């Protein structure tokens, strides 16, 4: 997880800005915005940008990887803005950099890799016609690859805990939505985190313990296969988590900075 991926906003080119808000359903008991809520804001901003661009290549975009670097969590009631731009391209992929801020203060930096597929979601498809015209200046010729980098399988002896994806977790594609996978991390983070009436420095220590600090952490998820509703498992070894459903590793999570 090289810091070089967190490229600065472009001097020129398209930067799309999308509003959001940290509402009741977005907040943990401590009052901070949950990771799955942040992932949902990023997902919504990405879709809004594509729709606003007017590009339609007849394909679909599928998230391959999302890295979050949290300087400070948004809090319940915060008005949030997601500023997002294309930071690199490949033959069949595009990278998206985003910054989540409130009151002009950057709180979360994100970098996502999206793969362009045929409408059936099974086969790679070239980037839409006109993509470079809309996003090329911001991407500035930077090239990216779709190769995954997490260990594909857990080691022998990895600790396992049960998980379950619900029918309510499925999205329009009929698969578990990308943002839902972050609840695996939230289960650990919220479980180690005192409530809002505990002094903030103690809450920060709990967050550091899960996300690996510095306050408040780094986390990266890679999506390997779609998942349906049903029983699943989370296997853990050190900073790595493997989410298994239907006998397959459907996603992996790495906590902390490398």
C-alpha atoms as a PDB file:
ATOM      1  CA  UNK A   1       0.000   0.000   0.000  1.00  0.00           C
ATOM      2  CA  UNK A   2       2.373   2.667  -1.247  1.00  0.00           C
ATOM      3  CA  UNK A   3       1.753   6.253  -0.214  1.00  0.00           C
ATOM      4  CA  UNK A   4       2.437   7.104  -3.881  1.00  0.00           C
ATOM      5  CA  UNK A   5      -1.105   5.949  -4.657  1.00  0.00           C
ATOM      6  CA  UNK A   6      -2.505   8.924  -2.760  1.00  0.00           C
ATOM      7  CA  UNK A   7      -1.801  11.361  -5.569  1.00  0.00           C
ATOM      8  CA  UNK A   8      -2.677  15.004  -5.078  1.00  0.00           C
ATOM      9  CA  UNK A   9      -5.694  16.560  -6.795  1.00  0.00           C
ATOM     10  CA  UNK A  10      -4.875  17.606 -10.361  1.00  0.00           C
ATOM     11  CA  UNK A  11      -3.975  21.171 -11.250  1.00  0.00           C
ATOM     12  CA  UNK A  12      -6.438  20.859 -14.124  1.00  0.00           C
ATOM     13  CA  UNK A  13      -9.079  18.422 -15.235  1.00  0.00           C
ATOM     14  CA  UNK A  14     -12.328  17.133 -13.819  1.00  0.00           C
ATOM     15  CA  UNK A  15     -12.832  17.012 -10.032  1.00  0.00           C
ATOM     16  CA  UNK A  16     -16.406  16.075  -9.137  1.00  0.00           C
ATOM     17  CA  UNK A  17     -17.868  17.146  -5.780  1.00  0.00           C
ATOM     18  CA  UNK A  18     -20.709  15.250  -4.149  1.00  0.00           C
ATOM     19  CA  UNK A  19     -22.464  16.160  -0.850  1.00  0.00           C
ATOM     20  CA  UNK A  20     -23.346  13.691   1.890  1.00  0.00           C
ATOM     21  CA  UNK A  21     -24.247  13.823   5.573  1.00  0.00           C
ATOM     22  CA  UNK A  22     -23.369  11.701   8.590  1.00  0.00           C
ATOM     23  CA  UNK A  23     -26.861  10.711   9.666  1.00  0.00           C
ATOM     24  CA  UNK A  24     -28.270   8.416  12.325  1.00  0.00           C
ATOM     25  CA  UNK A  25     -27.846   5.265  10.253  1.00  0.00           C
ATOM     26  CA  UNK A  26     -24.213   6.182   9.502  1.00  0.00           C
ATOM     27  CA  UNK A  27     -22.971   6.565  13.079  1.00  0.00           C
ATOM     28  CA  UNK A  28     -21.470   4.088  15.530  1.00  0.00           C
ATOM     29  CA  UNK A  29     -22.411   4.296  19.241  1.00  0.00           C
ATOM     30  CA  UNK A  30     -19.354   6.520  19.771  1.00  0.00           C
ATOM     31  CA  UNK A  31     -20.789   9.082  17.348  1.00  0.00           C
ATOM     32  CA  UNK A  32     -18.188   8.613  14.592  1.00  0.00           C
ATOM     33  CA  UNK A  33     -19.187   7.700  11.056  1.00  0.00           C
ATOM     34  CA  UNK A  34     -18.786   3.973  10.360  1.00  0.00           C
ATOM     35  CA  UNK A  35     -16.444   2.647   7.691  1.00  0.00           C
ATOM     36  CA  UNK A  36     -19.313   1.115   5.720  1.00  0.00           C
ATOM     37  CA  UNK A  37     -21.019   4.523   5.649  1.00  0.00           C
ATOM     38  CA  UNK A  38     -17.839   6.161   4.337  1.00  0.00           C
ATOM     39  CA  UNK A  39     -17.545   3.447   1.673  1.00  0.00           C
ATOM     40  CA  UNK A  40     -21.159   4.088   0.670  1.00  0.00           C
ATOM     41  CA  UNK A  41     -20.513   7.838   0.310  1.00  0.00           C
ATOM     42  CA  UNK A  42     -17.548   7.071  -1.948  1.00  0.00           C
ATOM     43  CA  UNK A  43     -19.599   4.636  -4.007  1.00  0.00           C
ATOM     44  CA  UNK A  44     -22.436   7.130  -4.420  1.00  0.00           C
ATOM     45  CA  UNK A  45     -20.009   9.895  -5.428  1.00  0.00           C
ATOM     46  CA  UNK A  46     -18.399   7.628  -8.038  1.00  0.00           C
ATOM     47  CA  UNK A  47     -21.769   6.781  -9.577  1.00  0.00           C
ATOM     48  CA  UNK A  48     -22.910  10.406  -9.521  1.00  0.00           C
ATOM     49  CA  UNK A  49     -19.706  11.427 -11.298  1.00  0.00           C
ATOM     50  CA  UNK A  50     -20.140   8.816 -14.046  1.00  0.00           C
ATOM     51  CA  UNK A  51     -23.795   9.781 -14.568  1.00  0.00           C
ATOM     52  CA  UNK A  52     -22.935  13.495 -14.646  1.00  0.00           C
ATOM     53  CA  UNK A  53     -20.129  12.880 -17.168  1.00  0.00           C
ATOM     54  CA  UNK A  54     -22.623  11.642 -19.751  1.00  0.00           C
ATOM     55  CA  UNK A  55     -20.387   8.704 -20.714  1.00  0.00           C
ATOM     56  CA  UNK A  56     -22.164   5.458 -21.505  1.00  0.00           C
ATOM     57  CA  UNK A  57     -20.103   2.665 -22.975  1.00  0.00           C
ATOM     58  CA  UNK A  58     -22.758   0.038 -22.361  1.00  0.00           C
ATOM     59  CA  UNK A  59     -20.678  -1.608 -19.642  1.00  0.00           C
ATOM     60  CA  UNK A  60     -20.644  -1.724 -15.867  1.00  0.00           C
ATOM     61  CA  UNK A  61     -18.007  -0.688 -13.342  1.00  0.00           C
ATOM     62  CA  UNK A  62     -17.011  -3.211 -10.661  1.00  0.00           C
ATOM     63  CA  UNK A  63     -14.920  -2.272  -7.638  1.00  0.00           C
ATOM     64  CA  UNK A  64     -11.702  -4.260  -7.419  1.00  0.00           C
ATOM     65  CA  UNK A  65      -9.929  -2.525  -4.540  1.00  0.00           C
ATOM     66  CA  UNK A  66     -10.553   0.295  -2.061  1.00  0.00           C
ATOM     67  CA  UNK A  67      -8.001   1.753   0.313  1.00  0.00           C
ATOM     68  CA  UNK A  68      -8.984   4.142   3.115  1.00  0.00           C
ATOM     69  CA  UNK A  69      -6.635   6.373   5.114  1.00  0.00           C
ATOM     70  CA  UNK A  70      -8.484   8.027   7.976  1.00  0.00           C
ATOM     71  CA  UNK A  71      -6.972  11.119   9.612  1.00  0.00           C
ATOM     72  CA  UNK A  72     -10.147  11.721  11.633  1.00  0.00           C
ATOM     73  CA  UNK A  73     -13.570  10.156  11.401  1.00  0.00           C
ATOM     74  CA  UNK A  74     -16.514  12.359  10.442  1.00  0.00           C
ATOM     75  CA  UNK A  75     -18.967  12.693  13.327  1.00  0.00           C
ATOM     76  CA  UNK A  76     -22.732  12.363  13.530  1.00  0.00           C
ATOM     77  CA  UNK A  77     -24.387  15.455  12.070  1.00  0.00           C
ATOM     78  CA  UNK A  78     -21.416  16.513   9.950  1.00  0.00           C
ATOM     79  CA  UNK A  79     -22.113  17.847   6.471  1.00  0.00           C
ATOM     80  CA  UNK A  80     -19.665  15.971   4.264  1.00  0.00           C
ATOM     81  CA  UNK A  81     -18.277  16.561   0.786  1.00  0.00           C
ATOM     82  CA  UNK A  82     -16.628  13.904  -1.380  1.00  0.00           C
ATOM     83  CA  UNK A  83     -14.233  15.359  -3.969  1.00  0.00           C
ATOM     84  CA  UNK A  84     -13.314  12.688  -6.515  1.00  0.00           C
ATOM     85  CA  UNK A  85     -11.263  12.462  -9.702  1.00  0.00           C
ATOM     86  CA  UNK A  86      -9.697   9.898 -12.020  1.00  0.00           C
ATOM     87  CA  UNK A  87      -6.063   9.431 -10.963  1.00  0.00           C
ATOM     88  CA  UNK A  88      -4.961   6.781 -13.460  1.00  0.00           C
ATOM     89  CA  UNK A  89      -6.060   4.371 -16.174  1.00  0.00           C
ATOM     90  CA  UNK A  90      -5.235   0.994 -17.651  1.00  0.00           C
ATOM     91  CA  UNK A  91      -6.534  -0.892 -20.647  1.00  0.00           C
ATOM     92  CA  UNK A  92      -9.663  -2.046 -18.825  1.00  0.00           C
ATOM     93  CA  UNK A  93      -9.458  -0.246 -15.464  1.00  0.00           C
ATOM     94  CA  UNK A  94      -9.538   3.214 -13.940  1.00  0.00           C
ATOM     95  CA  UNK A  95      -8.306   4.465 -10.589  1.00  0.00           C
ATOM     96  CA  UNK A  96     -10.330   6.963  -8.583  1.00  0.00           C
ATOM     97  CA  UNK A  97      -8.937   9.229  -5.857  1.00  0.00           C
ATOM     98  CA  UNK A  98     -11.366  10.758  -3.390  1.00  0.00           C
ATOM     99  CA  UNK A  99     -11.191  13.003  -0.352  1.00  0.00           C
ATOM    100  CA  UNK A 100     -13.933  13.118   2.266  1.00  0.00           C
ATOM    101  CA  UNK A 101     -13.976  16.454   4.055  1.00  0.00           C
ATOM    102  CA  UNK A 102     -16.175  18.458   6.374  1.00  0.00           C
ATOM    103  CA  UNK A 103     -15.988  22.219   6.840  1.00  0.00           C
ATOM    104  CA  UNK A 104     -13.072  22.272   4.398  1.00  0.00           C
ATOM    105  CA  UNK A 105     -11.016  19.874   6.541  1.00  0.00           C
ATOM    106  CA  UNK A 106      -9.851  16.674   4.757  1.00  0.00           C
ATOM    107  CA  UNK A 107     -10.713  13.709   6.979  1.00  0.00           C
ATOM    108  CA  UNK A 108     -10.478  10.576   4.826  1.00  0.00           C
ATOM    109  CA  UNK A 109      -8.343   9.887   1.782  1.00  0.00           C
ATOM    110  CA  UNK A 110      -9.365   7.040  -0.511  1.00  0.00           C
ATOM    111  CA  UNK A 111      -8.078   5.373  -3.641  1.00  0.00           C
ATOM    112  CA  UNK A 112     -10.192   2.866  -5.544  1.00  0.00           C
ATOM    113  CA  UNK A 113      -9.579   0.646  -8.543  1.00  0.00           C
ATOM    114  CA  UNK A 114     -12.586   0.008 -10.773  1.00  0.00           C
ATOM    115  CA  UNK A 115     -12.733  -2.566 -13.586  1.00  0.00           C
ATOM    116  CA  UNK A 116     -14.915  -1.948 -16.635  1.00  0.00           C
ATOM    117  CA  UNK A 117     -16.920  -5.051 -17.611  1.00  0.00           C
ATOM    118  CA  UNK A 118     -19.543  -6.112 -20.130  1.00  0.00           C
ATOM    119  CA  UNK A 119     -23.161  -5.659 -18.966  1.00  0.00           C
ATOM    120  CA  UNK A 120     -23.221  -9.290 -17.783  1.00  0.00           C
ATOM    121  CA  UNK A 121     -20.437  -8.412 -15.343  1.00  0.00           C
ATOM    122  CA  UNK A 122     -18.342 -11.377 -16.461  1.00  0.00           C
ATOM    123  CA  UNK A 123     -15.961 -10.142 -19.157  1.00  0.00           C
ATOM    124  CA  UNK A 124     -13.595  -7.139 -19.298  1.00  0.00           C
ATOM    125  CA  UNK A 125     -14.574  -4.310 -21.608  1.00  0.00           C
ATOM    126  CA  UNK A 126     -12.503  -1.380 -22.925  1.00  0.00           C
ATOM    127  CA  UNK A 127     -13.068   1.975 -21.247  1.00  0.00           C
ATOM    128  CA  UNK A 128     -16.085   3.876 -22.623  1.00  0.00           C
ATOM    129  CA  UNK A 129     -15.664   5.924 -25.759  1.00  0.00           C
ATOM    130  CA  UNK A 130     -14.774   9.480 -24.808  1.00  0.00           C
ATOM    131  CA  UNK A 131     -13.345   8.472 -21.412  1.00  0.00           C
ATOM    132  CA  UNK A 132     -10.007  10.146 -22.046  1.00  0.00           C
ATOM    133  CA  UNK A 133     -11.714  13.319 -23.194  1.00  0.00           C
ATOM    134  CA  UNK A 134     -13.561  13.618 -19.880  1.00  0.00           C
ATOM    135  CA  UNK A 135     -11.034  12.185 -17.419  1.00  0.00           C
ATOM    136  CA  UNK A 136      -7.699  12.181 -19.244  1.00  0.00           C
ATOM    137  CA  UNK A 137      -6.421  15.566 -18.053  1.00  0.00           C
ATOM    138  CA  UNK A 138      -6.940  14.638 -14.395  1.00  0.00           C
ATOM    139  CA  UNK A 139      -5.391  11.171 -14.887  1.00  0.00           C
ATOM    140  CA  UNK A 140      -2.315  12.881 -16.374  1.00  0.00           C
ATOM    141  CA  UNK A 141      -1.126   9.745 -18.178  1.00  0.00           C
ATOM    142  CA  UNK A 142      -0.664   7.750 -14.970  1.00  0.00           C
ATOM    143  CA  UNK A 143      -1.006   4.007 -15.649  1.00  0.00           C
ATOM    144  CA  UNK A 144      -2.474   1.494 -13.193  1.00  0.00           C
ATOM    145  CA  UNK A 145      -2.940  -2.279 -13.120  1.00  0.00           C
ATOM    146  CA  UNK A 146      -5.769  -4.501 -11.918  1.00  0.00           C
ATOM    147  CA  UNK A 147      -3.537  -7.129 -10.293  1.00  0.00           C
ATOM    148  CA  UNK A 148      -4.547  -8.046  -6.733  1.00  0.00           C
ATOM    149  CA  UNK A 149      -1.843  -7.895  -4.051  1.00  0.00           C
ATOM    150  CA  UNK A 150      -3.267  -9.494  -0.904  1.00  0.00           C
ATOM    151  CA  UNK A 151      -2.524 -13.152  -0.095  1.00  0.00           C
ATOM    152  CA  UNK A 152      -5.231 -15.123  -1.883  1.00  0.00           C
ATOM    153  CA  UNK A 153      -5.766 -17.743   0.844  1.00  0.00           C
ATOM    154  CA  UNK A 154      -5.466 -17.748   4.633  1.00  0.00           C
ATOM    155  CA  UNK A 155      -2.638 -19.723   6.227  1.00  0.00           C
ATOM    156  CA  UNK A 156      -3.238 -22.901   8.180  1.00  0.00           C
ATOM    157  CA  UNK A 157      -4.259 -22.013  11.704  1.00  0.00           C
ATOM    158  CA  UNK A 158      -5.932 -18.711  10.839  1.00  0.00           C
ATOM    159  CA  UNK A 159      -8.616 -17.891  13.397  1.00  0.00           C
ATOM    160  CA  UNK A 160     -12.172 -18.244  12.090  1.00  0.00           C
ATOM    161  CA  UNK A 161     -15.406 -16.627  13.194  1.00  0.00           C
ATOM    162  CA  UNK A 162     -18.873 -17.011  11.690  1.00  0.00           C
ATOM    163  CA  UNK A 163     -20.434 -14.317   9.545  1.00  0.00           C
ATOM    164  CA  UNK A 164     -23.655 -14.008   7.624  1.00  0.00           C
ATOM    165  CA  UNK A 165     -24.694 -11.917   4.661  1.00  0.00           C
ATOM    166  CA  UNK A 166     -28.376 -11.000   4.690  1.00  0.00           C
ATOM    167  CA  UNK A 167     -30.805 -10.605   1.831  1.00  0.00           C
ATOM    168  CA  UNK A 168     -30.942  -6.940   2.850  1.00  0.00           C
ATOM    169  CA  UNK A 169     -27.214  -6.675   1.986  1.00  0.00           C
ATOM    170  CA  UNK A 170     -27.831  -7.345  -1.713  1.00  0.00           C
ATOM    171  CA  UNK A 171     -27.876  -4.490  -4.220  1.00  0.00           C
ATOM    172  CA  UNK A 172     -29.299  -4.015  -7.724  1.00  0.00           C
ATOM    173  CA  UNK A 173     -26.805  -6.519  -9.126  1.00  0.00           C
ATOM    174  CA  UNK A 174     -28.186  -9.200  -6.795  1.00  0.00           C
ATOM    175  CA  UNK A 175     -24.885  -9.483  -4.906  1.00  0.00           C
ATOM    176  CA  UNK A 176     -23.631  -8.225  -1.565  1.00  0.00           C
ATOM    177  CA  UNK A 177     -22.917  -4.513  -1.978  1.00  0.00           C
ATOM    178  CA  UNK A 178     -19.292  -3.369  -1.799  1.00  0.00           C
ATOM    179  CA  UNK A 179     -19.861  -1.151   1.239  1.00  0.00           C
ATOM    180  CA  UNK A 180     -21.302  -4.029   3.292  1.00  0.00           C
ATOM    181  CA  UNK A 181     -17.938  -5.813   3.460  1.00  0.00           C
ATOM    182  CA  UNK A 182     -16.576  -3.033   5.642  1.00  0.00           C
ATOM    183  CA  UNK A 183     -18.934  -4.197   8.388  1.00  0.00           C
ATOM    184  CA  UNK A 184     -16.434  -7.005   9.002  1.00  0.00           C
ATOM    185  CA  UNK A 185     -13.942  -4.362  10.148  1.00  0.00           C
ATOM    186  CA  UNK A 186     -16.656  -2.390  11.926  1.00  0.00           C
ATOM    187  CA  UNK A 187     -17.527  -5.421  14.024  1.00  0.00           C
ATOM    188  CA  UNK A 188     -13.997  -5.363  15.430  1.00  0.00           C
ATOM    189  CA  UNK A 189     -13.711  -1.580  15.589  1.00  0.00           C
ATOM    190  CA  UNK A 190     -17.056  -0.889  17.259  1.00  0.00           C
ATOM    191  CA  UNK A 191     -16.599  -3.868  19.556  1.00  0.00           C
ATOM    192  CA  UNK A 192     -13.318  -2.427  20.854  1.00  0.00           C
ATOM    193  CA  UNK A 193     -14.577   1.143  21.009  1.00  0.00           C
ATOM    194  CA  UNK A 194     -16.162   2.826  24.045  1.00  0.00           C
ATOM    195  CA  UNK A 195     -19.337   4.857  23.631  1.00  0.00           C
ATOM    196  CA  UNK A 196     -19.561   8.595  23.018  1.00  0.00           C
ATOM    197  CA  UNK A 197     -19.483   9.508  26.722  1.00  0.00           C
ATOM    198  CA  UNK A 198     -15.938   8.109  27.118  1.00  0.00           C
ATOM    199  CA  UNK A 199     -13.052  10.617  26.740  1.00  0.00           C
ATOM    200  CA  UNK A 200     -11.968  10.937  23.112  1.00  0.00           C
ATOM    201  CA  UNK A 201      -8.375   9.871  23.768  1.00  0.00           C
ATOM    202  CA  UNK A 202      -9.595   6.473  24.978  1.00  0.00           C
ATOM    203  CA  UNK A 203     -11.793   6.042  21.906  1.00  0.00           C
ATOM    204  CA  UNK A 204      -8.804   6.903  19.717  1.00  0.00           C
ATOM    205  CA  UNK A 205      -6.680   4.201  21.372  1.00  0.00           C
ATOM    206  CA  UNK A 206      -9.360   1.607  20.643  1.00  0.00           C
ATOM    207  CA  UNK A 207      -9.510   2.687  17.003  1.00  0.00           C
ATOM    208  CA  UNK A 208      -5.714   2.561  16.732  1.00  0.00           C
ATOM    209  CA  UNK A 209      -5.687  -0.980  18.110  1.00  0.00           C
ATOM    210  CA  UNK A 210      -7.859  -2.252  15.250  1.00  0.00           C
ATOM    211  CA  UNK A 211      -6.783  -0.072  12.334  1.00  0.00           C
ATOM    212  CA  UNK A 212      -3.116   0.055  13.235  1.00  0.00           C
ATOM    213  CA  UNK A 213      -2.835   3.831  13.669  1.00  0.00           C
ATOM    214  CA  UNK A 214      -1.560   6.464  13.468  1.00  0.00           C
ATOM    215  CA  UNK A 215      -4.828   8.031  14.411  1.00  0.00           C
ATOM    216  CA  UNK A 216      -6.820   6.562  13.036  1.00  0.00           C
ATOM    217  CA  UNK A 217      -5.662   4.208  10.476  1.00  0.00           C
ATOM    218  CA  UNK A 218      -5.322   2.515   7.193  1.00  0.00           C
ATOM    219  CA  UNK A 219      -7.411  -0.279   5.729  1.00  0.00           C
ATOM    220  CA  UNK A 220      -7.660  -1.819   2.292  1.00  0.00           C
ATOM    221  CA  UNK A 221     -10.187  -4.247   0.835  1.00  0.00           C
ATOM    222  CA  UNK A 222      -9.879  -6.308  -2.339  1.00  0.00           C
ATOM    223  CA  UNK A 223     -12.938  -7.859  -3.962  1.00  0.00           C
ATOM    224  CA  UNK A 224     -12.352 -11.269  -5.559  1.00  0.00           C
ATOM    225  CA  UNK A 225     -15.800 -12.703  -6.296  1.00  0.00           C
ATOM    226  CA  UNK A 226     -19.455 -11.732  -5.797  1.00  0.00           C
ATOM    227  CA  UNK A 227     -21.259 -13.060  -2.734  1.00  0.00           C
ATOM    228  CA  UNK A 228     -24.886 -13.937  -2.144  1.00  0.00           C
ATOM    229  CA  UNK A 229     -26.943 -13.952   1.037  1.00  0.00           C
ATOM    230  CA  UNK A 230     -26.122 -16.802   3.376  1.00  0.00           C
ATOM    231  CA  UNK A 231     -23.601 -18.175   5.826  1.00  0.00           C
ATOM    232  CA  UNK A 232     -20.009 -16.971   5.585  1.00  0.00           C
ATOM    233  CA  UNK A 233     -16.852 -16.853   7.700  1.00  0.00           C
ATOM    234  CA  UNK A 234     -14.072 -14.386   8.505  1.00  0.00           C
ATOM    235  CA  UNK A 235     -10.580 -15.818   8.891  1.00  0.00           C
ATOM    236  CA  UNK A 236      -7.922 -13.694  10.582  1.00  0.00           C
ATOM    237  CA  UNK A 237      -4.152 -13.822  10.710  1.00  0.00           C
ATOM    238  CA  UNK A 238      -2.288 -10.747  11.903  1.00  0.00           C
ATOM    239  CA  UNK A 239      -3.387  -7.730   9.863  1.00  0.00           C
ATOM    240  CA  UNK A 240      -5.186  -9.846   7.248  1.00  0.00           C
ATOM    241  CA  UNK A 241      -8.835 -10.874   7.041  1.00  0.00           C
ATOM    242  CA  UNK A 242     -10.278 -13.307   4.486  1.00  0.00           C
ATOM    243  CA  UNK A 243     -14.049 -13.279   3.943  1.00  0.00           C
ATOM    244  CA  UNK A 244     -15.251 -16.676   2.753  1.00  0.00           C
ATOM    245  CA  UNK A 245     -18.713 -17.397   1.340  1.00  0.00           C
ATOM    246  CA  UNK A 246     -19.914 -20.432  -0.587  1.00  0.00           C
ATOM    247  CA  UNK A 247     -16.509 -22.017  -0.126  1.00  0.00           C
ATOM    248  CA  UNK A 248     -14.692 -19.169  -1.931  1.00  0.00           C
ATOM    249  CA  UNK A 249     -12.660 -16.202  -0.691  1.00  0.00           C
ATOM    250  CA  UNK A 250     -14.862 -13.348  -1.870  1.00  0.00           C
ATOM    251  CA  UNK A 251     -12.854 -10.483  -0.350  1.00  0.00           C
ATOM    252  CA  UNK A 252      -9.730  -9.798   1.648  1.00  0.00           C
ATOM    253  CA  UNK A 253      -8.964  -6.936   4.036  1.00  0.00           C
ATOM    254  CA  UNK A 254      -5.572  -5.671   5.178  1.00  0.00           C
ATOM    255  CA  UNK A 255      -5.557  -3.486   8.311  1.00  0.00           C
ATOM    256  CA  UNK A 256      -2.825  -0.976   9.047  1.00  0.00           C
ATOM    257  CA  UNK A 257      -0.178   0.633   6.863  1.00  0.00           C
ATOM    258  CA  UNK A 258       2.628  -1.345   5.261  1.00  0.00           C
END
